[in-house]
Amino acid sequence: MVTSTVPETRRQVATVRDVTRRVQAEYNEMPGLSVTLPQAQRLLGIDHDTCVVVIRTLVDRGFLKRTPRDTYVRL
């Protein structure tokens, strides 16, 4: 089993926080933005796991919503 050290965990949290802010900024700059998870991953240049966490966080906060076509749009 691999465990993260405290500094590594803090770095990961900071990275997710920074990416979350960047995604919000992208949606604010492009109000009609509608992307799937793979598209968001490519657009933002982030790995799948980070993308999932960031998008879920923004959905949970009520900033984004998932459409029936599996795209994510700003509320």
PDB file of N, CA and C in Angstrom:
ATOM      1  N   MET A   1       0.838  -1.181   0.000  1.00  0.00           N
ATOM      2  CA  MET A   1       0.000   0.000   0.000  1.00  0.00           C
ATOM      3  C   MET A   1       0.883   1.245   0.000  1.00  0.00           C
ATOM      4  N   VAL A   2       0.567   2.202  -0.863  1.00  0.00           N
ATOM      5  CA  VAL A   2       1.316   3.446  -0.954  1.00  0.00           C
ATOM      6  C   VAL A   2       0.521   4.525  -0.233  1.00  0.00           C
ATOM      7  N   THR A   3       1.195   5.241   0.646  1.00  0.00           N
ATOM      8  CA  THR A   3       0.525   6.325   1.355  1.00  0.00           C
ATOM      9  C   THR A   3       1.169   7.645   0.972  1.00  0.00           C
ATOM     10  N   SER A   4       0.388   8.681   0.967  1.00  0.00           N
ATOM     11  CA  SER A   4       0.890  10.007   0.643  1.00  0.00           C
ATOM     12  C   SER A   4       1.436  10.655   1.894  1.00  0.00           C
ATOM     13  N   THR A   5       2.482  11.430   1.718  1.00  0.00           N
ATOM     14  CA  THR A   5       2.999  12.203   2.832  1.00  0.00           C
ATOM     15  C   THR A   5       2.157  13.459   2.967  1.00  0.00           C
ATOM     16  N   VAL A   6       2.250  14.113   4.110  1.00  0.00           N
ATOM     17  CA  VAL A   6       1.458  15.322   4.342  1.00  0.00           C
ATOM     18  C   VAL A   6       1.782  16.396   3.312  1.00  0.00           C
ATOM     19  N   PRO A   7       3.071  16.694   3.050  1.00  0.00           N
ATOM     20  CA  PRO A   7       3.341  17.720   2.027  1.00  0.00           C
ATOM     21  C   PRO A   7       2.805  17.328   0.648  1.00  0.00           C
ATOM     22  N   GLU A   8       2.880  16.057   0.290  1.00  0.00           N
ATOM     23  CA  GLU A   8       2.369  15.601  -1.004  1.00  0.00           C
ATOM     24  C   GLU A   8       0.856  15.766  -1.067  1.00  0.00           C
ATOM     25  N   THR A   9       0.169  15.421   0.005  1.00  0.00           N
ATOM     26  CA  THR A   9      -1.286  15.565   0.060  1.00  0.00           C
ATOM     27  C   THR A   9      -1.676  17.035  -0.053  1.00  0.00           C
ATOM     28  N   ARG A  10      -0.961  17.902   0.626  1.00  0.00           N
ATOM     29  CA  ARG A  10      -1.252  19.340   0.544  1.00  0.00           C
ATOM     30  C   ARG A  10      -1.055  19.852  -0.877  1.00  0.00           C
ATOM     31  N   ARG A  11      -0.019  19.361  -1.542  1.00  0.00           N
ATOM     32  CA  ARG A  11       0.234  19.754  -2.933  1.00  0.00           C
ATOM     33  C   ARG A  11      -0.914  19.303  -3.829  1.00  0.00           C
ATOM     34  N   GLN A  12      -1.401  18.084  -3.598  1.00  0.00           N
ATOM     35  CA  GLN A  12      -2.511  17.561  -4.405  1.00  0.00           C
ATOM     36  C   GLN A  12      -3.769  18.392  -4.189  1.00  0.00           C
ATOM     37  N   VAL A  13      -4.048  18.744  -2.947  1.00  0.00           N
ATOM     38  CA  VAL A  13      -5.223  19.566  -2.634  1.00  0.00           C
ATOM     39  C   VAL A  13      -5.078  20.932  -3.288  1.00  0.00           C
ATOM     40  N   ALA A  14      -3.891  21.520  -3.208  1.00  0.00           N
ATOM     41  CA  ALA A  14      -3.652  22.828  -3.822  1.00  0.00           C
ATOM     42  C   ALA A  14      -3.820  22.739  -5.332  1.00  0.00           C
ATOM     43  N   THR A  15      -3.361  21.659  -5.929  1.00  0.00           N
ATOM     44  CA  THR A  15      -3.494  21.481  -7.372  1.00  0.00           C
ATOM     45  C   THR A  15      -4.968  21.400  -7.764  1.00  0.00           C
ATOM     46  N   VAL A  16      -5.736  20.605  -7.054  1.00  0.00           N
ATOM     47  CA  VAL A  16      -7.169  20.473  -7.350  1.00  0.00           C
ATOM     48  C   VAL A  16      -7.858  21.823  -7.162  1.00  0.00           C
ATOM     49  N   ARG A  17      -7.506  22.544  -6.125  1.00  0.00           N
ATOM     50  CA  ARG A  17      -8.103  23.866  -5.868  1.00  0.00           C
ATOM     51  C   ARG A  17      -7.770  24.819  -7.024  1.00  0.00           C
ATOM     52  N   ASP A  18      -6.520  24.822  -7.460  1.00  0.00           N
ATOM     53  CA  ASP A  18      -6.100  25.699  -8.556  1.00  0.00           C
ATOM     54  C   ASP A  18      -6.798  25.331  -9.864  1.00  0.00           C
ATOM     55  N   VAL A  19      -6.886  24.044 -10.146  1.00  0.00           N
ATOM     56  CA  VAL A  19      -7.540  23.598 -11.374  1.00  0.00           C
ATOM     57  C   VAL A  19      -9.029  23.928 -11.321  1.00  0.00           C
ATOM     58  N   THR A  20      -9.644  23.774 -10.169  1.00  0.00           N
ATOM     59  CA  THR A  20     -11.062  24.112 -10.009  1.00  0.00           C
ATOM     60  C   THR A  20     -11.293  25.584 -10.327  1.00  0.00           C
ATOM     61  N   ARG A  21     -10.439  26.439  -9.828  1.00  0.00           N
ATOM     62  CA  ARG A  21     -10.555  27.876 -10.119  1.00  0.00           C
ATOM     63  C   ARG A  21     -10.358  28.143 -11.612  1.00  0.00           C
ATOM     64  N   ARG A  22      -9.429  27.428 -12.214  1.00  0.00           N
ATOM     65  CA  ARG A  22      -9.162  27.612 -13.643  1.00  0.00           C
ATOM     66  C   ARG A  22     -10.368  27.181 -14.481  1.00  0.00           C
ATOM     67  N   VAL A  23     -10.999  26.068 -14.092  1.00  0.00           N
ATOM     68  CA  VAL A  23     -12.181  25.598 -14.824  1.00  0.00           C
ATOM     69  C   VAL A  23     -13.305  26.620 -14.690  1.00  0.00           C
ATOM     70  N   GLN A  24     -13.511  27.150 -13.493  1.00  0.00           N
ATOM     71  CA  GLN A  24     -14.533  28.181 -13.305  1.00  0.00           C
ATOM     72  C   GLN A  24     -14.233  29.392 -14.188  1.00  0.00           C
ATOM     73  N   ALA A  25     -12.984  29.785 -14.266  1.00  0.00           N
ATOM     74  CA  ALA A  25     -12.592  30.931 -15.094  1.00  0.00           C
ATOM     75  C   ALA A  25     -12.891  30.651 -16.565  1.00  0.00           C
ATOM     76  N   GLU A  26     -12.615  29.428 -17.014  1.00  0.00           N
ATOM     77  CA  GLU A  26     -12.899  29.066 -18.412  1.00  0.00           C
ATOM     78  C   GLU A  26     -14.397  29.179 -18.695  1.00  0.00           C
ATOM     79  N   TYR A  27     -15.216  28.671 -17.795  1.00  0.00           N
ATOM     80  CA  TYR A  27     -16.665  28.755 -17.984  1.00  0.00           C
ATOM     81  C   TYR A  27     -17.157  30.199 -17.903  1.00  0.00           C
ATOM     82  N   ASN A  28     -16.529  31.013 -17.061  1.00  0.00           N
ATOM     83  CA  ASN A  28     -16.918  32.430 -16.983  1.00  0.00           C
ATOM     84  C   ASN A  28     -16.546  33.170 -18.263  1.00  0.00           C
ATOM     85  N   GLU A  29     -15.406  32.833 -18.846  1.00  0.00           N
ATOM     86  CA  GLU A  29     -14.960  33.487 -20.079  1.00  0.00           C
ATOM     87  C   GLU A  29     -15.735  33.004 -21.298  1.00  0.00           C
ATOM     88  N   MET A  30     -16.220  31.769 -21.248  1.00  0.00           N
ATOM     89  CA  MET A  30     -16.972  31.183 -22.365  1.00  0.00           C
ATOM     90  C   MET A  30     -18.304  30.653 -21.833  1.00  0.00           C
ATOM     91  N   PRO A  31     -19.282  31.538 -21.622  1.00  0.00           N
ATOM     92  CA  PRO A  31     -20.540  31.146 -20.981  1.00  0.00           C
ATOM     93  C   PRO A  31     -21.273  29.987 -21.652  1.00  0.00           C
ATOM     94  N   GLY A  32     -21.114  29.794 -22.934  1.00  0.00           N
ATOM     95  CA  GLY A  32     -21.800  28.709 -23.629  1.00  0.00           C
ATOM     96  C   GLY A  32     -21.018  27.412 -23.677  1.00  0.00           C
ATOM     97  N   LEU A  33     -19.918  27.353 -22.957  1.00  0.00           N
ATOM     98  CA  LEU A  33     -19.065  26.165 -22.975  1.00  0.00           C
ATOM     99  C   LEU A  33     -19.845  24.930 -22.540  1.00  0.00           C
ATOM    100  N   SER A  34     -19.743  23.883 -23.328  1.00  0.00           N
ATOM    101  CA  SER A  34     -20.420  22.615 -23.061  1.00  0.00           C
ATOM    102  C   SER A  34     -19.463  21.508 -23.474  1.00  0.00           C
ATOM    103  N   VAL A  35     -18.887  20.811 -22.488  1.00  0.00           N
ATOM    104  CA  VAL A  35     -17.881  19.792 -22.787  1.00  0.00           C
ATOM    105  C   VAL A  35     -18.153  18.498 -22.028  1.00  0.00           C
ATOM    106  N   THR A  36     -17.715  17.401 -22.624  1.00  0.00           N
ATOM    107  CA  THR A  36     -17.742  16.104 -21.939  1.00  0.00           C
ATOM    108  C   THR A  36     -16.499  16.027 -21.046  1.00  0.00           C
ATOM    109  N   LEU A  37     -16.453  15.012 -20.204  1.00  0.00           N
ATOM    110  CA  LEU A  37     -15.252  14.845 -19.372  1.00  0.00           C
ATOM    111  C   LEU A  37     -13.983  14.707 -20.217  1.00  0.00           C
ATOM    112  N   PRO A  38     -13.970  13.843 -21.249  1.00  0.00           N
ATOM    113  CA  PRO A  38     -12.745  13.742 -22.062  1.00  0.00           C
ATOM    114  C   PRO A  38     -12.370  15.065 -22.743  1.00  0.00           C
ATOM    115  N   GLN A  39     -13.364  15.819 -23.178  1.00  0.00           N
ATOM    116  CA  GLN A  39     -13.078  17.115 -23.796  1.00  0.00           C
ATOM    117  C   GLN A  39     -12.503  18.088 -22.777  1.00  0.00           C
ATOM    118  N   ALA A  40     -13.063  18.106 -21.577  1.00  0.00           N
ATOM    119  CA  ALA A  40     -12.550  18.976 -20.520  1.00  0.00           C
ATOM    120  C   ALA A  40     -11.112  18.596 -20.178  1.00  0.00           C
ATOM    121  N   GLN A  41     -10.870  17.319 -20.130  1.00  0.00           N
ATOM    122  CA  GLN A  41      -9.527  16.824 -19.826  1.00  0.00           C
ATOM    123  C   GLN A  41      -8.517  17.339 -20.855  1.00  0.00           C
ATOM    124  N   ARG A  42      -8.857  17.248 -22.133  1.00  0.00           N
ATOM    125  CA  ARG A  42      -7.964  17.722 -23.194  1.00  0.00           C
ATOM    126  C   ARG A  42      -7.835  19.243 -23.180  1.00  0.00           C
ATOM    127  N   LEU A  43      -8.959  19.946 -23.040  1.00  0.00           N
ATOM    128  CA  LEU A  43      -8.966  21.401 -23.034  1.00  0.00           C
ATOM    129  C   LEU A  43      -8.074  21.955 -21.922  1.00  0.00           C
ATOM    130  N   LEU A  44      -8.149  21.333 -20.759  1.00  0.00           N
ATOM    131  CA  LEU A  44      -7.428  21.828 -19.591  1.00  0.00           C
ATOM    132  C   LEU A  44      -6.055  21.199 -19.404  1.00  0.00           C
ATOM    133  N   GLY A  45      -5.787  20.140 -20.158  1.00  0.00           N
ATOM    134  CA  GLY A  45      -4.487  19.487 -20.041  1.00  0.00           C
ATOM    135  C   GLY A  45      -4.277  18.832 -18.687  1.00  0.00           C
ATOM    136  N   ILE A  46      -5.331  18.172 -18.165  1.00  0.00           N
ATOM    137  CA  ILE A  46      -5.227  17.512 -16.860  1.00  0.00           C
ATOM    138  C   ILE A  46      -5.563  16.032 -17.000  1.00  0.00           C
ATOM    139  N   ASP A  47      -5.124  15.263 -16.023  1.00  0.00           N
ATOM    140  CA  ASP A  47      -5.379  13.825 -16.051  1.00  0.00           C
ATOM    141  C   ASP A  47      -6.841  13.524 -15.711  1.00  0.00           C
ATOM    142  N   HIS A  48      -7.245  12.316 -16.057  1.00  0.00           N
ATOM    143  CA  HIS A  48      -8.643  11.897 -15.877  1.00  0.00           C
ATOM    144  C   HIS A  48      -9.118  12.033 -14.431  1.00  0.00           C
ATOM    145  N   ASP A  49      -8.340  11.520 -13.485  1.00  0.00           N
ATOM    146  CA  ASP A  49      -8.773  11.529 -12.084  1.00  0.00           C
ATOM    147  C   ASP A  49      -8.971  12.953 -11.559  1.00  0.00           C
ATOM    148  N   THR A  50      -8.050  13.848 -11.885  1.00  0.00           N
ATOM    149  CA  THR A  50      -8.174  15.236 -11.448  1.00  0.00           C
ATOM    150  C   THR A  50      -9.392  15.881 -12.088  1.00  0.00           C
ATOM    151  N   CYS A  51      -9.604  15.597 -13.362  1.00  0.00           N
ATOM    152  CA  CYS A  51     -10.752  16.155 -14.076  1.00  0.00           C
ATOM    153  C   CYS A  51     -12.063  15.721 -13.423  1.00  0.00           C
ATOM    154  N   VAL A  52     -12.168  14.462 -13.086  1.00  0.00           N
ATOM    155  CA  VAL A  52     -13.386  13.946 -12.444  1.00  0.00           C
ATOM    156  C   VAL A  52     -13.623  14.652 -11.114  1.00  0.00           C
ATOM    157  N   VAL A  53     -12.589  14.797 -10.305  1.00  0.00           N
ATOM    158  CA  VAL A  53     -12.731  15.448  -8.999  1.00  0.00           C
ATOM    159  C   VAL A  53     -13.161  16.896  -9.172  1.00  0.00           C
ATOM    160  N   VAL A  54     -12.529  17.600 -10.094  1.00  0.00           N
ATOM    161  CA  VAL A  54     -12.835  19.019 -10.309  1.00  0.00           C
ATOM    162  C   VAL A  54     -14.262  19.199 -10.821  1.00  0.00           C
ATOM    163  N   ILE A  55     -14.641  18.432 -11.813  1.00  0.00           N
ATOM    164  CA  ILE A  55     -15.991  18.566 -12.373  1.00  0.00           C
ATOM    165  C   ILE A  55     -17.044  18.197 -11.326  1.00  0.00           C
ATOM    166  N   ARG A  56     -16.820  17.115 -10.590  1.00  0.00           N
ATOM    167  CA  ARG A  56     -17.783  16.732  -9.532  1.00  0.00           C
ATOM    168  C   ARG A  56     -17.894  17.823  -8.475  1.00  0.00           C
ATOM    169  N   THR A  57     -16.775  18.418  -8.127  1.00  0.00           N
ATOM    170  CA  THR A  57     -16.782  19.498  -7.136  1.00  0.00           C
ATOM    171  C   THR A  57     -17.639  20.655  -7.624  1.00  0.00           C
ATOM    172  N   LEU A  58     -17.465  21.024  -8.888  1.00  0.00           N
ATOM    173  CA  LEU A  58     -18.229  22.149  -9.431  1.00  0.00           C
ATOM    174  C   LEU A  58     -19.706  21.810  -9.598  1.00  0.00           C
ATOM    175  N   VAL A  59     -20.024  20.561  -9.869  1.00  0.00           N
ATOM    176  CA  VAL A  59     -21.433  20.137  -9.915  1.00  0.00           C
ATOM    177  C   VAL A  59     -22.023  20.193  -8.508  1.00  0.00           C
ATOM    178  N   ASP A  60     -21.284  19.663  -7.541  1.00  0.00           N
ATOM    179  CA  ASP A  60     -21.754  19.665  -6.147  1.00  0.00           C
ATOM    180  C   ASP A  60     -21.977  21.086  -5.623  1.00  0.00           C
ATOM    181  N   ARG A  61     -21.159  22.027  -6.080  1.00  0.00           N
ATOM    182  CA  ARG A  61     -21.288  23.424  -5.648  1.00  0.00           C
ATOM    183  C   ARG A  61     -22.403  24.160  -6.389  1.00  0.00           C
ATOM    184  N   GLY A  62     -22.978  23.518  -7.392  1.00  0.00           N
ATOM    185  CA  GLY A  62     -24.032  24.161  -8.154  1.00  0.00           C
ATOM    186  C   GLY A  62     -23.518  25.121  -9.214  1.00  0.00           C
ATOM    187  N   PHE A  63     -22.251  25.032  -9.565  1.00  0.00           N
ATOM    188  CA  PHE A  63     -21.692  25.891 -10.607  1.00  0.00           C
ATOM    189  C   PHE A  63     -21.912  25.275 -11.987  1.00  0.00           C
ATOM    190  N   LEU A  64     -21.793  23.956 -12.074  1.00  0.00           N
ATOM    191  CA  LEU A  64     -22.004  23.240 -13.329  1.00  0.00           C
ATOM    192  C   LEU A  64     -23.156  22.264 -13.166  1.00  0.00           C
ATOM    193  N   LYS A  65     -23.690  21.852 -14.306  1.00  0.00           N
ATOM    194  CA  LYS A  65     -24.663  20.761 -14.297  1.00  0.00           C
ATOM    195  C   LYS A  65     -24.335  19.823 -15.448  1.00  0.00           C
ATOM    196  N   ARG A  66     -24.713  18.571 -15.274  1.00  0.00           N
ATOM    197  CA  ARG A  66     -24.525  17.558 -16.309  1.00  0.00           C
ATOM    198  C   ARG A  66     -25.801  17.485 -17.131  1.00  0.00           C
ATOM    199  N   THR A  67     -25.646  17.548 -18.433  1.00  0.00           N
ATOM    200  CA  THR A  67     -26.802  17.493 -19.325  1.00  0.00           C
ATOM    201  C   THR A  67     -27.112  16.039 -19.682  1.00  0.00           C
ATOM    202  N   PRO A  68     -28.285  15.804 -20.270  1.00  0.00           N
ATOM    203  CA  PRO A  68     -28.620  14.444 -20.713  1.00  0.00           C
ATOM    204  C   PRO A  68     -27.637  13.895 -21.763  1.00  0.00           C
ATOM    205  N   ARG A  69     -26.897  14.779 -22.419  1.00  0.00           N
ATOM    206  CA  ARG A  69     -25.917  14.352 -23.428  1.00  0.00           C
ATOM    207  C   ARG A  69     -24.530  14.150 -22.828  1.00  0.00           C
ATOM    208  N   ASP A  70     -24.457  14.102 -21.490  1.00  0.00           N
ATOM    209  CA  ASP A  70     -23.194  13.907 -20.763  1.00  0.00           C
ATOM    210  C   ASP A  70     -22.183  15.019 -20.999  1.00  0.00           C
ATOM    211  N   THR A  71     -22.679  16.233 -21.188  1.00  0.00           N
ATOM    212  CA  THR A  71     -21.799  17.392 -21.235  1.00  0.00           C
ATOM    213  C   THR A  71     -22.011  18.184 -19.966  1.00  0.00           C
ATOM    214  N   TYR A  72     -21.058  19.030 -19.665  1.00  0.00           N
ATOM    215  CA  TYR A  72     -21.132  19.862 -18.460  1.00  0.00           C
ATOM    216  C   TYR A  72     -21.222  21.312 -18.883  1.00  0.00           C
ATOM    217  N   VAL A  73     -22.246  21.982 -18.367  1.00  0.00           N
ATOM    218  CA  VAL A  73     -22.510  23.374 -18.693  1.00  0.00           C
ATOM    219  C   VAL A  73     -22.666  24.165 -17.407  1.00  0.00           C
ATOM    220  N   ARG A  74     -22.456  25.464 -17.532  1.00  0.00           N
ATOM    221  CA  ARG A  74     -22.616  26.340 -16.378  1.00  0.00           C
ATOM    222  C   ARG A  74     -24.095  26.544 -16.093  1.00  0.00           C
ATOM    223  N   LEU A  75     -24.445  26.540 -14.818  1.00  0.00           N
ATOM    224  CA  LEU A  75     -25.836  26.828 -14.422  1.00  0.00           C
ATOM    225  C   LEU A  75     -26.121  28.306 -14.510  1.00  0.00           C
TER     226      LEU A  75
END
